[in-house]
């Protein structure tokens, strides 16, 4: 069962969702970006040998090791979000076929915009996703200023309307490499639940919260890797 303690920070918002906007704390305005740069630089140095090994492994399977997909960042600015490739080259065709022929998969995609048993994902891609290693290239996004170490889940243009009255809250901050959505459920959550998590985080951006979520993310990743 998912831990839904974050919902205490979500319940009670008014019609326009203005309470969900960042509080403008000292950490948010002056401390978050230096923390992002320091953490991203340290993790890149630490993981460099592993990233080289993953790159070589993906090159042997054919195709480009790293790909970039468009996501919407702070102030509505579109950016190229980097990830290690985990899908087949013909992933778009496979997805269209599955959604057309499998009603259960189509319903799951409509609710969460992802599939738990995704036929597009390769065997090495499945391992990278399970361990979250596919997201390591996003550390470069953090250094570039596109993303933060902790924040809302990065979304596409087509997903923005699903934030409804909380859209301005999403656009007020940088999306994160990790966040509440990574720790509480991840692939098992509905899109509406991920919005709740994003809003709960944005409402209370604090150094302690960011550090806690980063450590919790590491714990979740290690637990998945050992399962």
Protein backbone atom coordinates (compact mmCIF):
# COMPACT_ATOMS: atom_id res chain seq x y z
CA UNK A 1 0.00 0.00 0.00
CA UNK A 2 1.32 3.44 -0.89
CA UNK A 3 2.38 5.91 1.77
CA UNK A 4 0.02 8.85 1.30
CA UNK A 5 1.25 11.05 4.15
CA UNK A 6 1.98 13.78 1.62
CA UNK A 7 -1.76 14.32 1.18
CA UNK A 8 -1.90 16.30 4.42
CA UNK A 9 -0.09 19.07 2.55
CA UNK A 10 -2.45 18.88 -0.41
CA UNK A 11 -5.94 18.90 1.10
CA UNK A 12 -7.78 22.20 1.49
CA UNK A 13 -6.63 24.23 -1.50
CA UNK A 14 -9.02 26.85 -2.90
CA UNK A 15 -10.46 27.12 -6.38
CA UNK A 16 -7.47 28.71 -8.11
CA UNK A 17 -4.79 26.70 -6.32
CA UNK A 18 -2.82 29.81 -5.35
CA UNK A 19 -1.95 28.27 -1.96
CA UNK A 20 0.08 25.73 -3.93
CA UNK A 21 2.56 28.32 -5.22
CA UNK A 22 6.05 28.26 -3.65
CA UNK A 23 6.31 30.11 -0.34
CA UNK A 24 9.45 31.99 -1.40
CA UNK A 25 11.60 30.76 1.49
CA UNK A 26 15.25 31.86 1.82
CA UNK A 27 16.37 28.37 0.85
CA UNK A 28 14.16 28.31 -2.23
CA UNK A 29 15.39 31.71 -3.46
CA UNK A 30 19.08 31.52 -2.56
CA UNK A 31 20.05 28.04 -1.41
CA UNK A 32 18.37 25.50 -3.67
CA UNK A 33 20.38 26.24 -6.81
CA UNK A 34 23.81 25.98 -5.09
CA UNK A 35 22.70 22.70 -3.49
CA UNK A 36 21.60 21.43 -6.92
CA UNK A 37 24.94 22.28 -8.55
CA UNK A 38 26.99 20.79 -5.72
CA UNK A 39 25.00 17.54 -5.59
CA UNK A 40 24.88 17.10 -9.38
CA UNK A 41 28.63 17.74 -9.80
CA UNK A 42 29.48 15.31 -6.98
CA UNK A 43 27.19 12.58 -8.32
CA UNK A 44 28.52 12.98 -11.86
CA UNK A 45 32.10 12.51 -10.66
CA UNK A 46 31.06 9.53 -8.55
CA UNK A 47 29.05 7.84 -11.31
CA UNK A 48 31.31 8.67 -14.31
CA UNK A 49 32.79 5.14 -14.66
CA UNK A 50 29.32 3.59 -14.42
CA UNK A 51 27.91 5.99 -17.01
CA UNK A 52 30.75 5.11 -19.41
CA UNK A 53 30.04 1.39 -18.92
CA UNK A 54 26.30 1.90 -19.55
CA UNK A 55 27.04 3.97 -22.67
CA UNK A 56 29.29 1.27 -24.11
CA UNK A 57 26.74 -1.44 -23.30
CA UNK A 58 23.96 0.45 -25.06
CA UNK A 59 26.17 1.16 -28.08
CA UNK A 60 26.69 -2.59 -28.47
CA UNK A 61 22.92 -3.11 -28.67
CA UNK A 62 22.65 -0.56 -31.50
CA UNK A 63 21.17 2.90 -31.53
CA UNK A 64 22.04 6.05 -29.60
CA UNK A 65 22.91 5.47 -25.92
CA UNK A 66 21.45 8.79 -24.75
CA UNK A 67 18.31 10.41 -26.07
CA UNK A 68 16.58 13.67 -25.26
CA UNK A 69 12.84 14.17 -25.02
CA UNK A 70 11.11 17.52 -24.76
CA UNK A 71 9.80 18.46 -21.32
CA UNK A 72 8.34 21.67 -19.92
CA UNK A 73 10.33 23.44 -17.24
CA UNK A 74 10.05 26.54 -15.09
CA UNK A 75 8.12 29.44 -16.63
CA UNK A 76 6.87 27.09 -19.36
CA UNK A 77 10.27 26.90 -21.08
CA UNK A 78 10.75 23.71 -23.09
CA UNK A 79 14.05 21.82 -22.63
CA UNK A 80 15.70 18.62 -23.76
CA UNK A 81 15.55 16.12 -20.88
CA UNK A 82 18.33 13.53 -21.12
CA UNK A 83 18.01 9.82 -20.35
CA UNK A 84 19.78 6.61 -21.22
CA UNK A 85 17.87 4.78 -23.96
CA UNK A 86 15.69 1.99 -22.55
CA UNK A 87 13.30 1.37 -25.45
CA UNK A 88 13.34 -0.29 -28.85
CA UNK A 89 13.99 1.84 -31.92
CA UNK A 90 10.42 1.26 -33.11
CA UNK A 91 8.87 2.15 -29.74
CA UNK A 92 6.28 4.56 -31.20
CA UNK A 93 4.94 1.92 -33.56
CA UNK A 94 4.83 -0.68 -30.77
CA UNK A 95 2.92 1.67 -28.47
CA UNK A 96 0.32 2.49 -31.12
CA UNK A 97 -0.22 -1.21 -31.78
CA UNK A 98 -0.58 -2.10 -28.08
CA UNK A 99 -3.03 0.73 -27.36
CA UNK A 100 -5.09 -0.24 -30.39
CA UNK A 101 -5.24 -3.97 -29.61
CA UNK A 102 -5.15 -4.16 -25.78
CA UNK A 103 -8.06 -2.36 -24.01
CA UNK A 104 -6.51 -2.89 -20.55
CA UNK A 105 -3.23 -1.32 -21.66
CA UNK A 106 -5.11 1.56 -23.29
CA UNK A 107 -6.99 2.20 -20.03
CA UNK A 108 -3.75 2.06 -18.01
CA UNK A 109 -2.06 4.50 -20.41
CA UNK A 110 -5.01 6.90 -20.23
CA UNK A 111 -4.82 6.98 -16.44
CA UNK A 112 -1.06 7.10 -15.81
CA UNK A 113 0.57 7.85 -19.20
CA UNK A 114 2.78 4.78 -18.72
CA UNK A 115 2.58 0.99 -18.77
CA UNK A 116 3.87 -1.23 -15.97
CA UNK A 117 4.49 -4.08 -18.41
CA UNK A 118 5.80 -1.99 -21.29
CA UNK A 119 6.62 -4.03 -24.42
CA UNK A 120 8.75 -1.18 -25.77
CA UNK A 121 11.40 -1.60 -23.07
CA UNK A 122 14.50 -3.70 -23.83
CA UNK A 123 16.05 -6.15 -21.36
CA UNK A 124 18.93 -3.83 -20.52
CA UNK A 125 16.43 -0.97 -20.44
CA UNK A 126 14.36 -2.85 -17.87
CA UNK A 127 17.41 -3.11 -15.62
CA UNK A 128 18.23 0.58 -16.05
CA UNK A 129 14.67 1.56 -15.20
CA UNK A 130 14.45 -0.74 -12.21
CA UNK A 131 17.60 0.81 -10.75
CA UNK A 132 16.79 4.35 -12.01
CA UNK A 133 20.20 4.42 -13.73
CA UNK A 134 18.47 5.55 -16.93
CA UNK A 135 18.00 8.96 -15.26
CA UNK A 136 21.69 9.61 -14.54
CA UNK A 137 22.12 11.87 -17.62
CA UNK A 138 19.56 14.24 -16.08
CA UNK A 139 22.37 15.38 -13.77
CA UNK A 140 23.60 17.36 -16.79
CA UNK A 141 20.15 18.97 -16.96
CA UNK A 142 20.62 20.04 -13.35
CA UNK A 143 23.98 21.66 -14.10
CA UNK A 144 22.46 23.43 -17.11
CA UNK A 145 19.69 24.85 -14.95
CA UNK A 146 16.86 22.99 -16.68
CA UNK A 147 16.09 20.83 -13.66
CA UNK A 148 16.57 20.61 -9.91
CA UNK A 149 17.72 17.62 -7.89
CA UNK A 150 14.28 17.57 -6.23
CA UNK A 151 11.05 18.86 -7.72
CA UNK A 152 7.91 17.93 -9.65
CA UNK A 153 8.06 15.19 -12.25
CA UNK A 154 9.04 16.67 -15.65
CA UNK A 155 6.06 16.55 -18.02
CA UNK A 156 5.29 17.08 -21.70
CA UNK A 157 3.22 19.85 -23.32
CA UNK A 158 0.35 17.42 -23.74
CA UNK A 159 0.33 16.56 -20.02
CA UNK A 160 0.20 20.18 -18.79
CA UNK A 161 -3.62 20.54 -18.96
CA UNK A 162 -3.92 17.64 -16.51
CA UNK A 163 -2.53 19.91 -13.77
CA UNK A 164 -5.74 21.95 -13.99
CA UNK A 165 -5.87 24.72 -11.39
CA UNK A 166 -2.39 23.77 -10.16
CA UNK A 167 -0.64 24.44 -13.47
CA UNK A 168 0.91 27.72 -12.30
CA UNK A 169 2.41 25.91 -9.31
CA UNK A 170 4.16 23.45 -11.63
CA UNK A 171 5.46 26.23 -13.87
CA UNK A 172 6.82 28.18 -10.88
CA UNK A 173 9.65 25.73 -10.16
CA UNK A 174 12.20 23.55 -11.93
CA UNK A 175 11.17 19.91 -12.41
CA UNK A 176 13.24 17.41 -10.43
CA UNK A 177 15.39 14.36 -11.02
CA UNK A 178 13.58 12.95 -8.02
CA UNK A 179 10.70 13.96 -5.77
CA UNK A 180 7.72 12.70 -3.83
CA UNK A 181 6.54 10.85 -6.95
CA UNK A 182 9.81 8.85 -6.99
CA UNK A 183 9.61 7.83 -3.35
CA UNK A 184 5.84 7.25 -2.98
CA UNK A 185 4.79 4.70 -5.55
CA UNK A 186 6.52 5.88 -8.74
CA UNK A 187 5.18 3.66 -11.55
CA UNK A 188 2.13 2.55 -9.55
CA UNK A 189 0.60 6.03 -9.16
CA UNK A 190 -2.14 7.62 -11.23
CA UNK A 191 -1.40 10.96 -12.89
CA UNK A 192 -3.81 12.74 -10.53
CA UNK A 193 -1.86 11.34 -7.56
CA UNK A 194 1.40 12.56 -9.04
CA UNK A 195 -0.11 16.05 -9.33
CA UNK A 196 -1.03 15.89 -5.64
CA UNK A 197 2.53 14.93 -4.77
CA UNK A 198 3.99 17.73 -6.89
CA UNK A 199 1.72 20.30 -5.28
CA UNK A 200 2.48 19.03 -1.78
CA UNK A 201 6.21 19.43 -2.45
CA UNK A 202 6.00 22.85 -4.13
CA UNK A 203 4.01 24.15 -1.21
CA UNK A 204 6.81 23.43 1.26
CA UNK A 205 10.22 23.63 -0.42
CA UNK A 206 12.79 23.26 2.36
CA UNK A 207 16.42 22.13 2.59
CA UNK A 208 15.48 19.38 5.02
CA UNK A 209 12.78 18.13 2.66
CA UNK A 210 15.17 18.05 -0.31
CA UNK A 211 17.88 16.20 1.61
CA UNK A 212 15.34 13.75 3.03
CA UNK A 213 13.89 12.99 -0.42
CA UNK A 214 17.36 12.50 -1.94
CA UNK A 215 18.29 10.01 0.79
CA UNK A 216 14.91 8.28 0.49
CA UNK A 217 15.41 8.01 -3.28
CA UNK A 218 18.79 6.34 -2.76
CA UNK A 219 17.16 3.92 -0.31
CA UNK A 220 14.34 3.10 -2.76
CA UNK A 221 16.79 2.55 -5.63
CA UNK A 222 19.02 0.28 -3.54
CA UNK A 223 16.00 -1.69 -2.35
CA UNK A 224 14.82 -2.20 -5.95
CA UNK A 225 18.32 -3.22 -7.05
CA UNK A 226 18.47 -5.90 -4.40
CA UNK A 227 15.00 -7.31 -5.05
